[in-house]
N, C-alpha and C. Protein backbone atom coordinates (compact mmCIF):
# COMPACT_ATOMS: atom_id res chain seq x y z
N MET A 1 -0.67 16.78 5.76
CA MET A 1 -1.83 17.58 6.16
C MET A 1 -1.36 19.01 6.37
N SER A 2 -2.09 19.98 5.82
CA SER A 2 -1.73 21.38 5.99
C SER A 2 -2.27 21.90 7.32
N GLU A 3 -1.78 23.06 7.70
CA GLU A 3 -2.17 23.68 8.97
C GLU A 3 -3.39 24.57 8.74
N ILE A 4 -4.33 24.53 9.66
CA ILE A 4 -5.52 25.36 9.54
C ILE A 4 -5.19 26.79 9.99
N SER A 5 -5.77 27.74 9.32
CA SER A 5 -5.61 29.15 9.66
C SER A 5 -6.80 29.58 10.51
N ILE A 6 -6.52 29.98 11.76
CA ILE A 6 -7.58 30.39 12.69
C ILE A 6 -7.26 31.80 13.16
N SER A 7 -8.23 32.70 13.06
CA SER A 7 -8.04 34.05 13.59
C SER A 7 -8.92 34.22 14.83
N GLU A 8 -8.36 34.90 15.82
CA GLU A 8 -9.07 35.10 17.09
C GLU A 8 -9.37 36.58 17.25
N THR A 9 -10.63 36.90 17.58
CA THR A 9 -11.05 38.27 17.80
C THR A 9 -11.91 38.31 19.05
N GLY A 10 -11.40 38.92 20.11
CA GLY A 10 -12.16 38.98 21.35
C GLY A 10 -12.47 37.59 21.87
N ASN A 11 -13.76 37.27 22.00
CA ASN A 11 -14.16 35.96 22.53
C ASN A 11 -14.61 35.00 21.43
N SER A 12 -14.18 35.26 20.19
CA SER A 12 -14.58 34.38 19.09
C SER A 12 -13.39 34.03 18.20
N VAL A 13 -13.57 32.97 17.43
CA VAL A 13 -12.56 32.56 16.45
C VAL A 13 -13.23 32.42 15.09
N GLU A 14 -12.44 32.61 14.04
CA GLU A 14 -12.93 32.41 12.68
C GLU A 14 -11.98 31.50 11.94
N PHE A 15 -12.53 30.63 11.12
CA PHE A 15 -11.73 29.71 10.32
C PHE A 15 -12.53 29.30 9.10
N ASP A 16 -11.84 28.74 8.12
CA ASP A 16 -12.49 28.29 6.89
C ASP A 16 -12.80 26.81 6.96
N VAL A 17 -13.89 26.44 6.33
CA VAL A 17 -14.23 25.02 6.16
C VAL A 17 -14.51 24.78 4.67
N ILE A 18 -14.21 23.58 4.24
CA ILE A 18 -14.58 23.13 2.90
C ILE A 18 -15.58 22.00 3.10
N VAL A 19 -16.78 22.19 2.58
CA VAL A 19 -17.87 21.25 2.83
C VAL A 19 -18.00 20.26 1.67
N LYS A 20 -18.14 19.00 2.04
CA LYS A 20 -18.42 17.94 1.06
C LYS A 20 -19.85 17.46 1.32
N PRO A 21 -20.82 18.00 0.56
CA PRO A 21 -22.20 17.57 0.75
C PRO A 21 -22.42 16.15 0.23
N LYS A 22 -23.51 15.56 0.65
CA LYS A 22 -23.90 14.19 0.26
C LYS A 22 -22.83 13.17 0.64
N ALA A 23 -22.13 13.42 1.73
CA ALA A 23 -21.14 12.46 2.23
C ALA A 23 -21.87 11.31 2.93
N ARG A 24 -21.15 10.26 3.19
CA ARG A 24 -21.74 9.10 3.86
C ARG A 24 -22.15 9.45 5.29
N ASN A 25 -21.28 10.17 6.00
CA ASN A 25 -21.54 10.55 7.40
C ASN A 25 -21.27 12.03 7.60
N ASN A 26 -21.79 12.58 8.69
CA ASN A 26 -21.42 13.92 9.11
C ASN A 26 -20.16 13.79 9.96
N ALA A 27 -19.05 14.34 9.45
CA ALA A 27 -17.78 14.17 10.16
C ALA A 27 -16.73 15.15 9.65
N ILE A 28 -15.73 15.39 10.49
CA ILE A 28 -14.55 16.13 10.07
C ILE A 28 -13.66 15.16 9.31
N LEU A 29 -13.26 15.55 8.12
CA LEU A 29 -12.48 14.68 7.25
C LEU A 29 -10.99 14.99 7.29
N GLY A 30 -10.62 16.11 7.90
CA GLY A 30 -9.21 16.49 7.97
C GLY A 30 -9.03 17.95 7.62
N VAL A 31 -7.81 18.30 7.22
CA VAL A 31 -7.49 19.67 6.85
C VAL A 31 -6.95 19.67 5.43
N HIS A 32 -7.42 20.62 4.63
CA HIS A 32 -6.96 20.76 3.25
C HIS A 32 -6.97 22.24 2.89
N ASP A 33 -5.88 22.71 2.31
CA ASP A 33 -5.80 24.09 1.84
C ASP A 33 -6.13 25.09 2.96
N ASN A 34 -5.54 24.88 4.14
CA ASN A 34 -5.72 25.74 5.32
C ASN A 34 -7.16 25.81 5.83
N ALA A 35 -7.96 24.82 5.51
CA ALA A 35 -9.36 24.80 5.96
C ALA A 35 -9.71 23.40 6.47
N ILE A 36 -10.69 23.35 7.37
CA ILE A 36 -11.19 22.07 7.87
C ILE A 36 -12.12 21.48 6.81
N ARG A 37 -11.89 20.24 6.41
CA ARG A 37 -12.80 19.55 5.48
C ARG A 37 -13.87 18.86 6.30
N ILE A 38 -15.12 19.16 5.99
CA ILE A 38 -16.24 18.58 6.71
C ILE A 38 -17.17 17.91 5.71
N GLY A 39 -17.49 16.66 5.98
CA GLY A 39 -18.46 15.94 5.16
C GLY A 39 -19.81 15.94 5.87
N VAL A 40 -20.86 16.25 5.11
CA VAL A 40 -22.22 16.20 5.66
C VAL A 40 -23.10 15.40 4.71
N SER A 41 -24.03 14.65 5.26
CA SER A 41 -24.90 13.81 4.44
C SER A 41 -25.99 14.62 3.73
N ALA A 42 -26.23 15.83 4.20
CA ALA A 42 -27.28 16.66 3.60
C ALA A 42 -26.89 17.14 2.20
N ALA A 43 -27.90 17.36 1.39
CA ALA A 43 -27.70 17.89 0.05
C ALA A 43 -27.50 19.40 0.12
N PRO A 44 -26.78 19.97 -0.85
CA PRO A 44 -26.55 21.42 -0.84
C PRO A 44 -27.73 22.19 -1.42
N GLU A 45 -28.87 22.08 -0.77
CA GLU A 45 -30.06 22.77 -1.25
C GLU A 45 -30.82 23.37 -0.08
N LYS A 46 -31.28 24.60 -0.28
CA LYS A 46 -32.08 25.32 0.72
C LYS A 46 -31.39 25.40 2.08
N GLY A 47 -30.06 25.48 2.10
CA GLY A 47 -29.32 25.65 3.35
C GLY A 47 -29.18 24.40 4.19
N LYS A 48 -29.59 23.25 3.67
CA LYS A 48 -29.53 22.01 4.47
C LYS A 48 -28.10 21.63 4.82
N ALA A 49 -27.18 21.75 3.88
CA ALA A 49 -25.78 21.41 4.16
C ALA A 49 -25.18 22.40 5.16
N ASN A 50 -25.52 23.68 5.04
CA ASN A 50 -25.03 24.69 5.99
C ASN A 50 -25.52 24.36 7.40
N ASP A 51 -26.80 24.03 7.52
CA ASP A 51 -27.36 23.67 8.83
C ASP A 51 -26.65 22.45 9.40
N ALA A 52 -26.35 21.48 8.55
CA ALA A 52 -25.67 20.26 9.02
C ALA A 52 -24.26 20.57 9.52
N VAL A 53 -23.56 21.49 8.85
CA VAL A 53 -22.22 21.89 9.29
C VAL A 53 -22.30 22.54 10.67
N ILE A 54 -23.24 23.45 10.83
CA ILE A 54 -23.39 24.15 12.11
C ILE A 54 -23.76 23.17 13.22
N LYS A 55 -24.68 22.26 12.96
CA LYS A 55 -25.09 21.28 13.97
C LYS A 55 -23.94 20.35 14.34
N LEU A 56 -23.15 19.93 13.35
CA LEU A 56 -22.01 19.06 13.63
C LEU A 56 -20.99 19.78 14.51
N LEU A 57 -20.64 21.02 14.15
CA LEU A 57 -19.67 21.77 14.96
C LEU A 57 -20.21 22.01 16.37
N SER A 58 -21.50 22.31 16.48
CA SER A 58 -22.13 22.52 17.78
C SER A 58 -22.01 21.27 18.65
N LYS A 59 -22.30 20.13 18.07
CA LYS A 59 -22.23 18.86 18.80
C LYS A 59 -20.80 18.55 19.24
N LEU A 60 -19.85 18.69 18.31
CA LEU A 60 -18.46 18.33 18.61
C LEU A 60 -17.81 19.29 19.61
N LEU A 61 -18.15 20.58 19.51
CA LEU A 61 -17.57 21.57 20.42
C LEU A 61 -18.37 21.72 21.71
N LYS A 62 -19.54 21.07 21.75
CA LYS A 62 -20.43 21.13 22.93
C LYS A 62 -20.81 22.57 23.27
N ILE A 63 -21.25 23.29 22.24
CA ILE A 63 -21.71 24.67 22.40
C ILE A 63 -23.05 24.82 21.69
N PRO A 64 -23.82 25.86 22.03
CA PRO A 64 -25.12 26.06 21.37
C PRO A 64 -24.97 26.40 19.89
N VAL A 65 -25.93 25.99 19.10
CA VAL A 65 -25.95 26.30 17.67
C VAL A 65 -25.89 27.81 17.46
N SER A 66 -26.49 28.57 18.36
CA SER A 66 -26.53 30.03 18.23
C SER A 66 -25.16 30.68 18.34
N ASP A 67 -24.15 29.95 18.82
CA ASP A 67 -22.79 30.49 18.94
C ASP A 67 -21.96 30.24 17.69
N ILE A 68 -22.56 29.69 16.65
CA ILE A 68 -21.85 29.40 15.40
C ILE A 68 -22.56 30.10 14.25
N GLN A 69 -21.79 30.83 13.45
CA GLN A 69 -22.36 31.56 12.32
C GLN A 69 -21.52 31.32 11.07
N ILE A 70 -22.17 31.33 9.93
CA ILE A 70 -21.45 31.33 8.66
C ILE A 70 -21.27 32.79 8.27
N GLU A 71 -20.02 33.25 8.28
CA GLU A 71 -19.72 34.65 7.99
C GLU A 71 -19.74 34.92 6.49
N SER A 72 -19.26 33.98 5.70
CA SER A 72 -19.27 34.14 4.25
C SER A 72 -19.26 32.77 3.58
N GLY A 73 -19.69 32.74 2.33
CA GLY A 73 -19.66 31.50 1.57
C GLY A 73 -20.89 30.63 1.73
N GLU A 74 -22.02 31.21 2.04
CA GLU A 74 -23.23 30.40 2.26
C GLU A 74 -23.62 29.55 1.06
N THR A 75 -23.30 30.00 -0.14
CA THR A 75 -23.65 29.22 -1.33
C THR A 75 -22.43 28.57 -1.97
N SER A 76 -21.32 28.58 -1.27
CA SER A 76 -20.08 28.01 -1.78
C SER A 76 -19.67 26.81 -0.92
N ARG A 77 -18.82 25.96 -1.46
CA ARG A 77 -18.31 24.84 -0.66
C ARG A 77 -17.33 25.34 0.40
N ARG A 78 -16.61 26.43 0.10
CA ARG A 78 -15.68 27.01 1.07
C ARG A 78 -16.40 28.10 1.84
N LYS A 79 -16.41 27.97 3.15
CA LYS A 79 -17.14 28.90 4.01
C LYS A 79 -16.24 29.44 5.12
N ARG A 80 -16.54 30.64 5.58
CA ARG A 80 -15.85 31.24 6.72
C ARG A 80 -16.80 31.10 7.91
N ILE A 81 -16.35 30.42 8.96
CA ILE A 81 -17.17 30.14 10.14
C ILE A 81 -16.68 30.97 11.32
N LYS A 82 -17.62 31.53 12.06
CA LYS A 82 -17.31 32.26 13.29
C LYS A 82 -17.92 31.48 14.46
N VAL A 83 -17.10 31.22 15.47
CA VAL A 83 -17.56 30.49 16.65
C VAL A 83 -17.28 31.35 17.88
N ILE A 84 -18.31 31.59 18.67
CA ILE A 84 -18.19 32.42 19.86
C ILE A 84 -17.90 31.55 21.07
N GLY A 85 -16.99 32.02 21.94
CA GLY A 85 -16.71 31.34 23.20
C GLY A 85 -15.76 30.16 23.10
N VAL A 86 -14.98 30.09 22.02
CA VAL A 86 -14.05 28.98 21.82
C VAL A 86 -12.67 29.55 21.51
N LYS A 87 -11.63 28.89 21.97
CA LYS A 87 -10.25 29.30 21.72
C LYS A 87 -9.69 28.52 20.52
N PRO A 88 -8.70 29.09 19.83
CA PRO A 88 -8.09 28.38 18.69
C PRO A 88 -7.57 26.99 19.05
N GLU A 89 -7.04 26.84 20.26
CA GLU A 89 -6.51 25.55 20.69
C GLU A 89 -7.61 24.48 20.71
N GLU A 90 -8.82 24.88 21.06
CA GLU A 90 -9.94 23.93 21.09
C GLU A 90 -10.29 23.44 19.68
N ILE A 91 -10.21 24.33 18.71
CA ILE A 91 -10.47 23.95 17.32
C ILE A 91 -9.39 22.98 16.84
N LYS A 92 -8.14 23.30 17.12
CA LYS A 92 -7.03 22.44 16.70
C LYS A 92 -7.10 21.07 17.36
N GLU A 93 -7.48 21.03 18.63
CA GLU A 93 -7.61 19.75 19.34
C GLU A 93 -8.76 18.93 18.75
N LEU A 94 -9.84 19.59 18.42
CA LEU A 94 -10.98 18.91 17.80
C LEU A 94 -10.57 18.24 16.49
N ILE A 95 -9.79 18.95 15.69
CA ILE A 95 -9.33 18.39 14.41
C ILE A 95 -8.47 17.16 14.66
N LYS A 96 -7.58 17.23 15.63
CA LYS A 96 -6.72 16.08 15.95
C LYS A 96 -7.56 14.88 16.37
N GLU A 97 -8.55 15.11 17.21
CA GLU A 97 -9.40 14.02 17.72
C GLU A 97 -10.25 13.39 16.62
N GLN A 98 -10.76 14.20 15.72
CA GLN A 98 -11.75 13.74 14.75
C GLN A 98 -11.17 13.20 13.44
N SER A 99 -9.95 13.62 13.10
CA SER A 99 -9.44 13.18 11.80
C SER A 99 -8.31 12.18 11.92
């Protein structure tokens, strides 16, 4: 398993995710190519998969949906995510717990 690259700026962190739409479950699948692999059951149409990624991260990190943004890659499988109010260690711990 490769190491995830997380950058911290002020009270937020940014990291990459690789989304697998139409997965069986909404879940963190592990780390690949310095990014968190996330499977979502939603189809990649009209932002449904993006919404599912944000809702999953919100639920797992126990933070409001409004604290999570897609910074880039809205129409790509690889996305840059910004999360407000979370430390890099919390993201790394989440990956350990979920994968």
